[in-house]
Protein backbone atom coordinates (compact mmCIF):
# COMPACT_ATOMS: atom_id res chain seq x y z
CA MET A 1 6.52 23.27 1.00
CA SER A 2 4.72 25.72 3.20
CA PRO A 3 2.54 23.79 5.67
CA VAL A 4 -1.14 24.38 6.01
CA THR A 5 -2.74 23.92 9.41
CA LYS A 6 -5.53 21.40 8.94
CA GLU A 7 -8.88 21.43 10.68
CA ARG A 8 -9.65 18.60 13.04
CA THR A 9 -11.39 15.61 11.56
CA ARG A 10 -15.11 15.83 12.27
CA TYR A 11 -15.59 12.24 13.41
CA LEU A 12 -19.09 12.87 14.78
CA VAL A 13 -20.18 14.21 11.40
CA LEU A 14 -18.89 11.05 9.73
CA VAL A 15 -20.65 8.92 12.35
CA ALA A 16 -23.92 10.82 11.84
CA LEU A 17 -23.78 10.43 8.06
CA ASP A 18 -23.13 6.72 8.41
CA LEU A 19 -25.80 6.34 11.09
CA SER A 20 -28.34 8.06 8.85
CA LYS A 21 -28.05 5.23 6.33
CA LYS A 22 -28.09 2.50 8.97
CA LEU A 23 -31.15 3.95 10.69
CA SER A 24 -32.92 4.08 7.34
CA VAL A 25 -32.20 0.41 6.76
CA LEU A 26 -33.50 -0.36 10.27
CA ILE A 27 -36.69 1.60 9.57
CA MET A 28 -37.21 -0.34 6.34
CA ALA A 29 -36.88 -3.57 8.32
CA MET A 30 -39.37 -2.32 10.95
CA SER A 31 -41.83 -1.39 8.20
CA ILE A 32 -41.55 -4.79 6.57
CA MET A 33 -42.08 -6.37 9.99
CA SER A 34 -45.31 -4.40 10.52
CA LEU A 35 -46.61 -5.30 7.05
CA ALA A 36 -45.67 -8.94 7.67
CA GLY A 37 -47.80 -8.79 10.82
CA TYR A 38 -50.82 -7.82 8.70
CA PHE A 39 -50.02 -10.42 6.05
CA TYR A 40 -49.55 -13.33 8.46
CA ASP A 41 -52.14 -12.08 10.97
CA ILE A 42 -49.56 -11.63 13.74
CA GLY A 43 -51.02 -8.71 15.65
CA PHE A 44 -48.14 -7.91 18.01
CA LEU A 45 -45.89 -7.06 15.02
CA TYR A 46 -47.93 -3.92 14.37
CA ARG A 47 -49.70 -3.62 17.76
CA PRO A 48 -47.18 -4.59 20.52
CA ALA A 49 -49.90 -4.56 23.21
CA GLU A 50 -53.56 -5.38 22.80
CA ASP A 51 -54.71 -2.14 24.44
CA GLN A 52 -52.33 0.12 22.49
CA VAL A 53 -52.66 2.04 19.24
CA ALA A 54 -51.66 0.07 16.12
CA THR A 55 -49.30 1.04 13.33
CA HIS A 56 -51.40 1.63 10.21
CA PRO A 57 -50.29 0.05 6.88
CA TYR A 58 -50.01 3.59 5.47
CA THR A 59 -47.45 4.44 8.16
CA ALA A 60 -45.37 1.33 7.45
CA ILE A 61 -45.37 1.85 3.67
CA GLN A 62 -44.62 5.57 3.89
CA ALA A 63 -41.78 4.94 6.32
CA PHE A 64 -40.34 2.29 3.98
CA PHE A 65 -40.45 4.58 0.92
CA ILE A 66 -38.94 7.60 2.67
CA ALA A 67 -36.23 5.51 4.36
CA LEU A 68 -35.36 4.05 0.96
CA CYS A 69 -35.06 7.59 -0.41
CA ILE A 70 -32.61 8.50 2.38
CA VAL A 71 -30.49 5.44 1.57
CA LEU A 72 -30.46 6.29 -2.16
CA ASN A 73 -30.13 10.05 -1.67
CA ARG A 74 -26.52 10.42 -2.76
CA PRO A 75 -24.79 11.81 -5.88
CA GLY A 76 -25.25 9.52 -8.85
CA ARG A 77 -28.40 7.87 -7.50
CA ARG A 78 -30.72 10.80 -6.95
CA GLN A 79 -32.46 10.34 -10.28
CA HIS A 80 -33.85 7.06 -8.94
CA ILE A 81 -35.62 8.56 -5.93
CA LYS A 82 -37.85 11.06 -7.73
CA TRP A 83 -40.38 8.35 -8.54
CA ILE A 84 -40.33 7.04 -4.97
CA LEU A 85 -40.89 10.58 -3.66
CA ALA A 86 -43.74 11.01 -6.15
CA VAL A 87 -45.44 7.83 -4.90
CA SER A 88 -44.94 8.96 -1.29
CA LEU A 89 -46.52 12.34 -2.03
CA LEU A 90 -49.42 10.62 -3.80
CA LEU A 91 -50.08 8.54 -0.69
CA SER A 92 -50.09 11.67 1.50
CA LEU A 93 -52.46 13.51 -0.82
CA SER A 94 -54.74 10.46 -0.91
CA TRP A 95 -54.92 10.43 2.89
CA LEU A 96 -55.68 14.16 2.91
CA ALA A 97 -58.42 13.74 0.30
CA ASP A 98 -59.96 10.91 2.31
CA GLU A 99 -59.99 13.00 5.48
CA ILE A 100 -61.44 16.11 3.82
CA LEU A 101 -63.80 14.58 1.25
CA GLY A 102 -64.61 11.33 3.03
CA SER A 103 -63.44 9.30 0.03
CA LYS A 104 -61.71 5.91 0.20
CA ILE A 105 -58.79 6.51 -2.18
CA LEU A 106 -56.16 5.35 0.29
CA TYR A 107 -58.06 2.14 0.96
CA THR A 108 -57.95 1.23 -2.73
CA ILE A 109 -54.19 1.68 -3.20
CA ILE A 110 -52.80 0.54 0.18
CA PRO A 111 -52.88 -3.16 1.10
CA PHE A 112 -54.26 -4.40 4.43
CA THR A 113 -56.35 -1.25 4.97
CA ASP A 114 -59.45 -3.44 5.27
CA ILE A 115 -57.90 -5.11 8.32
CA ALA A 116 -57.02 -1.73 9.82
CA LEU A 117 -60.54 -0.41 9.18
CA SER A 118 -62.24 -3.42 10.72
CA GLU A 119 -60.04 -3.18 13.82
CA HIS A 120 -60.71 0.54 14.12
CA ASN A 121 -64.46 0.01 13.82
CA ALA A 122 -64.19 -2.67 16.51
CA GLY A 123 -62.77 -0.12 18.96
CA LYS A 124 -59.09 -0.92 18.50
CA ILE A 125 -57.46 2.29 17.35
CA ASN A 126 -55.86 1.70 13.95
CA HIS A 127 -55.98 4.99 12.12
CA VAL A 128 -53.55 7.55 10.72
CA GLY A 129 -53.67 10.67 12.86
CA ILE A 130 -53.01 14.22 11.74
CA ASN A 131 -49.74 14.25 13.68
CA THR A 132 -48.46 11.23 11.73
CA PHE A 133 -49.53 12.80 8.43
CA ILE A 134 -47.77 16.11 9.16
CA THR A 135 -44.62 14.31 10.30
CA PHE A 136 -44.42 12.31 7.08
CA LEU A 137 -45.05 15.44 5.03
CA LEU A 138 -42.22 17.30 6.77
CA ILE A 139 -39.81 14.37 6.39
CA TRP A 140 -40.77 14.10 2.72
CA PHE A 141 -40.03 17.79 2.31
CA SER A 142 -36.70 17.34 4.11
CA VAL A 143 -35.61 14.48 1.85
CA THR A 144 -36.73 16.39 -1.24
CA MET A 145 -34.75 19.48 -0.19
CA LYS A 146 -31.71 17.27 0.42
CA ALA A 147 -32.04 15.79 -3.07
CA LEU A 148 -32.12 19.35 -4.47
CA ASN A 149 -29.04 20.29 -2.37
CA TYR A 150 -30.99 22.74 -0.19
CA ASN A 151 -29.41 21.43 3.00
CA LEU A 152 -30.58 24.20 5.34
CA GLY A 153 -34.17 23.77 4.18
CA SER A 154 -33.80 20.03 4.67
CA GLN A 155 -32.53 20.54 8.23
CA SER A 156 -35.35 22.93 9.11
CA ALA A 157 -38.00 20.47 7.91
CA ALA A 158 -36.34 17.56 9.74
CA PHE A 159 -36.20 19.58 12.98
CA ALA A 160 -39.89 20.42 12.64
CA ALA A 161 -40.70 16.77 11.92
CA LEU A 162 -38.93 15.70 15.13
CA SER A 163 -41.33 17.75 17.24
CA PHE A 164 -44.36 15.51 16.62
CA PRO A 165 -42.91 12.08 17.53
CA SER A 166 -41.04 13.66 20.46
CA LEU A 167 -44.35 15.07 21.74
CA SER A 168 -45.86 11.61 21.30
CA LEU A 169 -42.96 10.11 23.25
CA PHE A 170 -43.64 12.52 26.12
CA GLY A 171 -47.29 11.49 25.94
CA TYR A 172 -46.50 7.81 26.36
CA ALA A 173 -43.91 8.50 29.08
CA TYR A 174 -46.24 10.80 31.04
CA SER A 175 -49.42 8.81 30.24
CA ILE A 176 -51.00 11.86 28.57
CA THR A 177 -53.10 10.49 25.70
CA PRO A 178 -53.72 13.79 23.83
CA PHE A 179 -49.96 14.12 23.33
CA HIS A 180 -49.72 11.01 21.14
CA GLY A 181 -53.30 10.72 19.89
CA GLU A 182 -53.54 8.04 17.18
CA MET A 183 -49.77 7.68 16.78
CA SER A 184 -48.79 4.26 18.10
CA LEU A 185 -45.69 3.69 20.18
CA LEU A 186 -44.15 1.74 17.30
CA SER A 187 -44.99 4.58 14.91
CA THR A 188 -43.50 7.05 17.39
CA ALA A 189 -40.22 5.14 17.44
CA THR A 190 -40.26 4.79 13.64
CA LEU A 191 -40.89 8.49 13.05
CA LEU A 192 -38.29 9.53 15.63
CA LEU A 193 -35.69 7.41 13.88
CA LEU A 194 -36.82 8.53 10.44
CA SER A 195 -36.71 12.23 11.38
CA SER A 196 -33.27 11.73 12.91
CA ALA A 197 -32.03 9.92 9.80
CA ALA A 198 -33.25 12.79 7.61
CA LEU A 199 -31.60 15.32 9.92
CA TRP A 200 -28.29 13.46 10.18
CA SER A 201 -28.10 13.05 6.41
CA THR A 202 -27.23 16.78 6.39
CA ALA A 203 -24.71 16.47 9.23
CA ASN A 204 -21.98 18.19 7.23
CA HIS A 205 -23.97 21.41 6.89
CA GLY A 206 -25.52 24.17 8.94
CA VAL A 207 -26.47 23.88 12.58
CA VAL A 208 -26.00 20.10 12.74
CA ARG A 209 -22.39 20.51 11.66
CA ALA A 210 -21.98 23.17 14.36
CA VAL A 211 -23.46 20.96 17.09
CA LEU A 212 -21.27 18.01 16.03
CA SER A 213 -18.16 20.18 15.80
CA PRO A 214 -15.02 18.79 17.51
CA TYR A 215 -14.22 22.29 18.76
CA ILE A 216 -15.28 23.86 22.04
CA GLY A 217 -18.55 25.27 20.68
CA GLY A 218 -19.80 21.85 19.61
CA GLN A 219 -18.64 20.23 22.84
CA ILE A 220 -20.54 22.79 24.93
CA ALA A 221 -23.65 22.45 22.74
CA ARG A 222 -23.75 18.67 23.09
CA PHE A 223 -23.32 18.91 26.85
CA GLN A 224 -26.13 21.47 27.09
CA PHE A 225 -28.36 19.31 24.90
CA ALA A 226 -27.87 16.23 27.03
CA THR A 227 -28.12 17.83 30.47
CA GLY A 228 -30.90 20.27 29.60
CA CYS A 229 -33.24 17.83 27.87
CA ILE A 230 -32.66 14.96 30.31
CA PHE A 231 -33.20 17.24 33.30
CA ALA A 232 -36.39 18.75 31.86
CA PHE A 233 -37.75 15.32 30.88
CA PHE A 234 -37.22 13.65 34.25
CA LEU A 235 -38.27 16.68 36.26
CA GLY A 236 -41.51 16.83 34.28
CA TYR A 237 -41.97 13.09 34.72
CA LEU A 238 -41.59 13.32 38.50
CA VAL A 239 -43.99 16.25 38.73
CA VAL A 240 -46.60 14.60 36.48
CA LYS A 241 -46.51 11.34 38.44
CA SER A 242 -46.93 13.21 41.71
CA ILE A 243 -50.01 15.10 40.51
CA ALA A 244 -53.33 13.31 40.74
CA SER A 245 -55.20 15.73 38.47
CA ILE A 246 -55.00 14.81 34.79
CA GLN A 247 -55.74 18.43 33.89
CA TYR A 248 -52.64 19.70 35.66
CA SER A 249 -50.49 16.79 34.48
CA GLY A 250 -51.21 17.86 30.90
CA VAL A 251 -50.08 21.39 31.69
CA VAL A 252 -46.88 20.16 33.31
CA GLY A 253 -46.24 17.80 30.39
CA ALA A 254 -46.73 20.61 27.89
CA TYR A 255 -44.36 22.78 29.93
CA ALA A 256 -41.70 20.03 29.94
CA VAL A 257 -42.01 19.62 26.17
CA ALA A 258 -41.78 23.37 25.67
CA VAL A 259 -38.68 23.61 27.87
CA CYS A 260 -36.97 20.78 26.00
CA TRP A 261 -37.61 22.35 22.63
CA LEU A 262 -36.62 25.78 23.89
CA ILE A 263 -33.31 24.27 25.00
CA ILE A 264 -32.88 22.56 21.63
CA ILE A 265 -33.59 25.74 19.66
CA LEU A 266 -31.44 28.03 21.82
CA VAL A 267 -28.52 25.61 21.99
CA THR A 268 -28.67 24.98 18.25
CA ILE A 269 -28.70 28.68 17.39
CA SER A 270 -25.93 29.49 19.87
CA ALA A 271 -23.83 26.58 18.55
CA ALA A 272 -24.21 27.85 14.99
CA LEU A 273 -23.26 31.41 15.97
CA PHE A 274 -20.34 30.22 18.09
CA GLU A 275 -19.11 27.95 15.28
CA ARG A 276 -19.18 30.87 12.86
CA SER A 277 -17.13 33.13 15.14
CA ASP A 278 -14.83 30.28 16.16
CA LYS A 279 -14.21 29.46 12.50
CA ILE A 280 -13.01 33.03 11.96
CA ARG A 281 -10.76 32.71 15.01
CA ARG A 282 -9.32 29.40 13.76
CA ARG A 283 -8.69 30.89 10.34
CA MET A 284 -6.85 33.83 11.89
CA GLU A 285 -4.81 31.45 14.07
CA ASN A 286 -3.92 29.41 11.00
CA GLN A 287 -2.85 32.54 9.17
CA LEU A 288 -0.68 33.61 12.10
CA ALA A 289 0.82 30.12 12.44
CA ASN A 290 1.54 29.91 8.73
CA SER A 291 2.97 33.42 8.58
CA ALA A 292 5.41 32.43 11.32
CA ARG A 293 6.56 29.52 9.12
CA THR A 294 6.32 31.07 5.68
CA ASP A 295 8.51 33.46 3.72
CA PRO A 296 6.14 36.34 2.84
CA LEU A 297 7.72 37.05 -0.56
CA THR A 298 7.95 33.57 -2.07
CA GLY A 299 5.33 31.64 -0.10
CA LEU A 300 7.86 28.90 0.66
CA MET A 301 8.83 27.81 4.15
CA ASN A 302 11.12 30.10 6.06
CA ARG A 303 14.37 28.82 7.50
CA ARG A 304 12.92 28.15 10.94
CA ALA A 305 10.16 25.90 9.61
CA PHE A 306 12.55 24.17 7.22
CA ASN A 307 14.94 23.33 10.06
CA GLU A 308 12.07 21.59 11.89
CA VAL A 309 11.31 19.48 8.81
CA LEU A 310 15.03 18.79 8.40
CA LYS A 311 15.34 17.53 11.98
CA TYR A 312 12.30 15.30 11.58
CA GLU A 313 13.60 13.82 8.33
CA ALA A 314 17.06 13.25 9.81
CA GLY A 315 15.52 11.35 12.70
CA ARG A 316 13.45 9.29 10.27
CA THR A 317 16.51 8.31 8.23
CA ASN A 318 18.24 7.15 11.41
CA ARG A 319 15.28 5.13 12.68
CA TYR A 320 14.10 3.51 9.48
CA GLY A 321 17.12 3.70 7.19
CA THR A 322 15.34 5.85 4.62
CA LYS A 323 17.23 8.14 2.27
CA ALA A 324 16.85 11.88 1.89
CA VAL A 325 18.72 14.53 -0.08
CA LEU A 326 19.40 18.13 0.92
CA ILE A 327 19.91 20.65 -1.89
CA LEU A 328 21.14 24.23 -1.56
CA MET A 329 20.50 26.43 -4.59
CA ASP A 330 21.80 29.94 -5.25
CA ILE A 331 20.73 32.28 -8.07
CA ASP A 332 23.83 33.25 -10.04
CA HIS A 333 24.75 36.96 -10.18
CA PHE A 334 21.52 37.98 -8.48
CA LYS A 335 23.06 41.22 -7.22
CA GLY A 336 23.51 42.25 -10.85
CA VAL A 337 19.78 41.76 -11.44
CA ASN A 338 18.94 44.07 -8.54
CA ASP A 339 21.51 46.66 -9.63
CA THR A 340 20.40 46.62 -13.27
CA TYR A 341 16.63 46.31 -13.04
CA GLY A 342 15.85 47.34 -9.48
CA HIS A 343 14.65 45.50 -6.43
CA PRO A 344 11.01 45.08 -7.59
CA VAL A 345 12.25 43.06 -10.56
CA GLY A 346 14.60 41.18 -8.24
CA ASP A 347 11.67 40.30 -6.01
CA GLU A 348 9.76 39.05 -9.04
CA VAL A 349 12.72 36.85 -9.97
CA LEU A 350 12.67 35.32 -6.48
CA LYS A 351 8.94 34.65 -6.70
CA ARG A 352 9.26 33.05 -10.14
CA ILE A 353 12.16 30.87 -8.99
CA ALA A 354 10.12 29.77 -5.95
CA ALA A 355 7.19 28.89 -8.22
CA THR A 356 9.53 26.92 -10.48
CA ILE A 357 10.83 24.95 -7.50
CA ARG A 358 7.28 24.19 -6.35
CA ASP A 359 6.33 22.95 -9.81
CA ASN A 360 9.31 20.61 -10.08
CA ILE A 361 9.26 18.80 -6.73
CA ARG A 362 6.75 16.42 -5.17
CA ASP A 363 4.14 17.27 -2.57
CA THR A 364 6.10 15.14 -0.09
CA ASP A 365 9.22 17.27 -0.59
CA SER A 366 9.94 20.56 1.16
CA ALA A 367 11.45 23.83 -0.02
CA CYS A 368 12.36 27.07 1.68
CA ARG A 369 13.92 30.43 1.03
CA PHE A 370 17.13 29.94 2.95
CA GLY A 371 18.22 33.56 2.83
CA GLY A 372 18.59 36.27 0.20
CA GLU A 373 18.75 34.57 -3.19
CA GLU A 374 19.49 31.15 -1.69
CA PHE A 375 16.96 28.32 -1.53
CA ALA A 376 16.99 24.92 0.17
CA ILE A 377 15.16 21.78 -0.95
CA LEU A 378 14.65 18.54 0.97
CA LEU A 379 13.81 15.48 -1.10
CA SER A 380 12.44 12.75 1.16
CA ASP A 381 12.83 9.06 0.29
CA THR A 382 15.33 9.97 -2.42
CA SER A 383 18.81 8.63 -3.18
CA PRO A 384 21.74 10.93 -4.10
CA GLU A 385 21.31 9.79 -7.70
CA GLY A 386 17.65 10.79 -7.61
CA GLY A 387 18.56 14.13 -6.05
CA LEU A 388 21.11 14.66 -8.81
CA THR A 389 18.45 14.04 -11.44
CA VAL A 390 16.04 16.51 -9.82
CA SER A 391 18.77 19.15 -9.47
CA HIS A 392 19.79 18.87 -13.12
CA ALA A 393 16.18 19.05 -14.27
CA LEU A 394 15.54 22.11 -12.11
CA ARG A 395 18.77 23.78 -13.25
CA LYS A 396 17.81 23.25 -16.88
CA VAL A 397 14.27 24.59 -16.40
CA ILE A 398 15.60 27.75 -14.74
CA GLU A 399 18.22 28.25 -17.45
CA GLU A 400 15.72 27.93 -20.29
CA THR A 401 12.85 29.93 -18.78
CA ASP A 402 12.16 33.62 -19.24
CA ILE A 403 11.96 34.32 -15.54
CA VAL A 404 10.69 37.91 -15.83
CA PRO A 405 9.41 38.93 -19.27
CA LEU A 406 9.84 42.71 -19.73
CA PRO A 407 8.49 44.85 -22.59
CA GLU A 408 11.95 45.39 -24.05
CA GLN A 409 13.62 42.13 -23.10
CA SER A 410 13.24 39.01 -20.98
CA ILE A 411 15.41 38.31 -17.98
CA LYS A 412 17.07 34.93 -17.84
CA VAL A 413 18.96 33.69 -14.82
CA THR A 414 20.88 30.57 -13.92
CA ALA A 415 21.39 28.80 -10.63
CA SER A 416 24.09 26.76 -8.95
CA PHE A 417 23.32 23.68 -6.89
CA GLY A 418 25.00 21.80 -4.08
CA LEU A 419 23.50 18.61 -2.72
CA THR A 420 24.28 16.02 -0.12
CA GLN A 421 22.72 13.01 1.50
CA LEU A 422 20.92 13.55 4.81
CA ALA A 423 22.02 10.71 7.04
CA GLU A 424 22.41 11.79 10.66
CA ASN A 425 20.75 13.73 13.44
CA ARG A 426 23.19 16.66 13.19
CA ILE A 427 21.61 18.65 10.41
CA GLU A 428 24.35 21.26 10.75
CA ASP A 429 26.80 18.76 9.23
CA ALA A 430 24.49 18.16 6.28
CA LEU A 431 24.12 21.91 5.73
CA ILE A 432 27.90 22.33 5.80
CA ARG A 433 28.35 19.59 3.21
CA ALA A 434 25.64 21.01 0.95
CA ASP A 435 27.16 24.48 1.29
CA LYS A 436 30.60 23.12 0.32
CA ALA A 437 29.07 21.45 -2.73
CA LEU A 438 27.36 24.73 -3.66
CA TYR A 439 30.66 26.58 -3.30
CA GLN A 440 32.26 23.96 -5.55
CA SER A 441 29.63 24.68 -8.25
CA LYS A 442 30.36 28.40 -8.07
CA GLU A 443 34.11 27.83 -8.27
CA ARG A 444 33.67 25.75 -11.40
CA GLY A 445 31.82 28.51 -13.25
CA ARG A 446 28.27 28.48 -11.82
CA ASN A 447 25.12 27.07 -13.45
CA ARG A 448 26.06 23.55 -12.48
CA VAL A 449 25.44 20.85 -9.86
CA SER A 450 27.91 19.42 -7.36
CA VAL A 451 27.34 16.54 -4.96
CA HIS A 452 28.97 16.16 -1.55
CA VAL A 453 28.17 12.82 0.06
CA LEU A 454 29.19 10.96 3.19
CA ALA A 455 32.66 9.41 3.13
CA THR A 456 33.04 5.81 1.99
CA PRO A 457 36.11 4.05 0.55
CA ARG A 458 34.89 4.82 -2.96
CA HIS A 459 34.56 8.57 -3.35
CA ASN A 460 36.28 11.14 -5.55
CA VAL A 461 34.11 9.96 -8.42
CA TYR A 462 33.62 12.21 -11.42
CA CYS A 463 30.42 12.15 -13.41
CA ARG A 464 29.96 13.88 -16.73
CA ARG A 465 26.43 14.85 -17.70
CA SER A 466 25.89 17.01 -20.76
CA ASN A 467 28.83 19.41 -20.61
CA GLN A 468 28.78 19.55 -16.81
CA VAL A 469 31.33 18.10 -14.38
CA VAL A 470 29.76 16.83 -11.19
CA ARG A 471 32.17 16.04 -8.41
CA GLN A 472 31.39 13.80 -5.47
CA LEU A 473 33.73 14.85 -2.70
CA ALA A 474 34.80 12.83 0.32
CA PHE A 475 33.91 14.40 3.63
């Protein structure tokens, strides 16, 4: 059959999709750990250092629910996550109502909030900041869009969600408190992982697919990501640590964050544009490669491509002792069809015969237009007896089919077959034997099958099938 050039396997996409689920499970474990810290009064589980910001129970519960949605967000299970998403949205709206109206709705539906409130009133920061709220809202939107199959919208929301915990990470690294505010270091790590999990869950679409591409565009994008962001981060870190003024360190930190995100945005957009143009180039290359191996009229392999398959199969039979059968097939009295009905009808006959061959052989077999009205078929892992069965079935289908139905009449054609076993590296010998068998079929009246196999002490065997005589000749 005519080969199709396959795209490279996108291993990084597969890794990202798998990692999305594993990160979500990790986040669920981290959330349970934080809640266990409140339950068992183990402070370092939700506040790693005494002088640091704590992870609020709201943050732990929201992270658990959204991570669970990412794990369940797959075909066949999406009906289960709508209630989880509804609860998550209710928690976010409750926090917003408490902040705007001064109510205590969140404190009545979230456990351990009394502990968080008492710690916050005692001067230990344990509160949900606006940056944490917005991050959760964006991740919620991303997961919801993913569940509705709006993958580009999901990616956009996940990218936006990443900006807040990444800014917080810069704040902790550069010791700039306004950058992280009331988002604890543990919450920063949780939200970074959660945003990444939401983003990577759409790894097979859009800009993420382009960045993770195995082709040159994706490779360049990943290199630019790594070098650009790492350089900007450490350069900003060195400058901030060398500046005594907190005012200027904040400016430098903001500049480093802006540079990193500018790099991310530009590289992502350029990767997507490059992937689009490179996909067109790959498609054109595939078309050129296939046209060099394909007969343009029938869509089967041409002789050059078939010879390559023949050589490979001959080598395989020698190495592993497998069996393969080569069949040559010729349309009987095809010149008469062209002379009577014209070449357009003759071309249609060739196309219909090619389609008939395709429909009656396996995907693992190969077929080609060998020249003119002659076709060649290679049956891999097939004995001569099996090849004989296939040839007879194909001959009968061709004989009984209206190949080209015309308004006045239908054209029927027959075909003669010659087959042999492929058993050595010299494919020329196999072609000669198959051609001799084909000639034998024509000599005996056409529309029949002849077999020419390798010489053994027991050849010159005659087989009668229907009203056909099939001769196995010694070579």
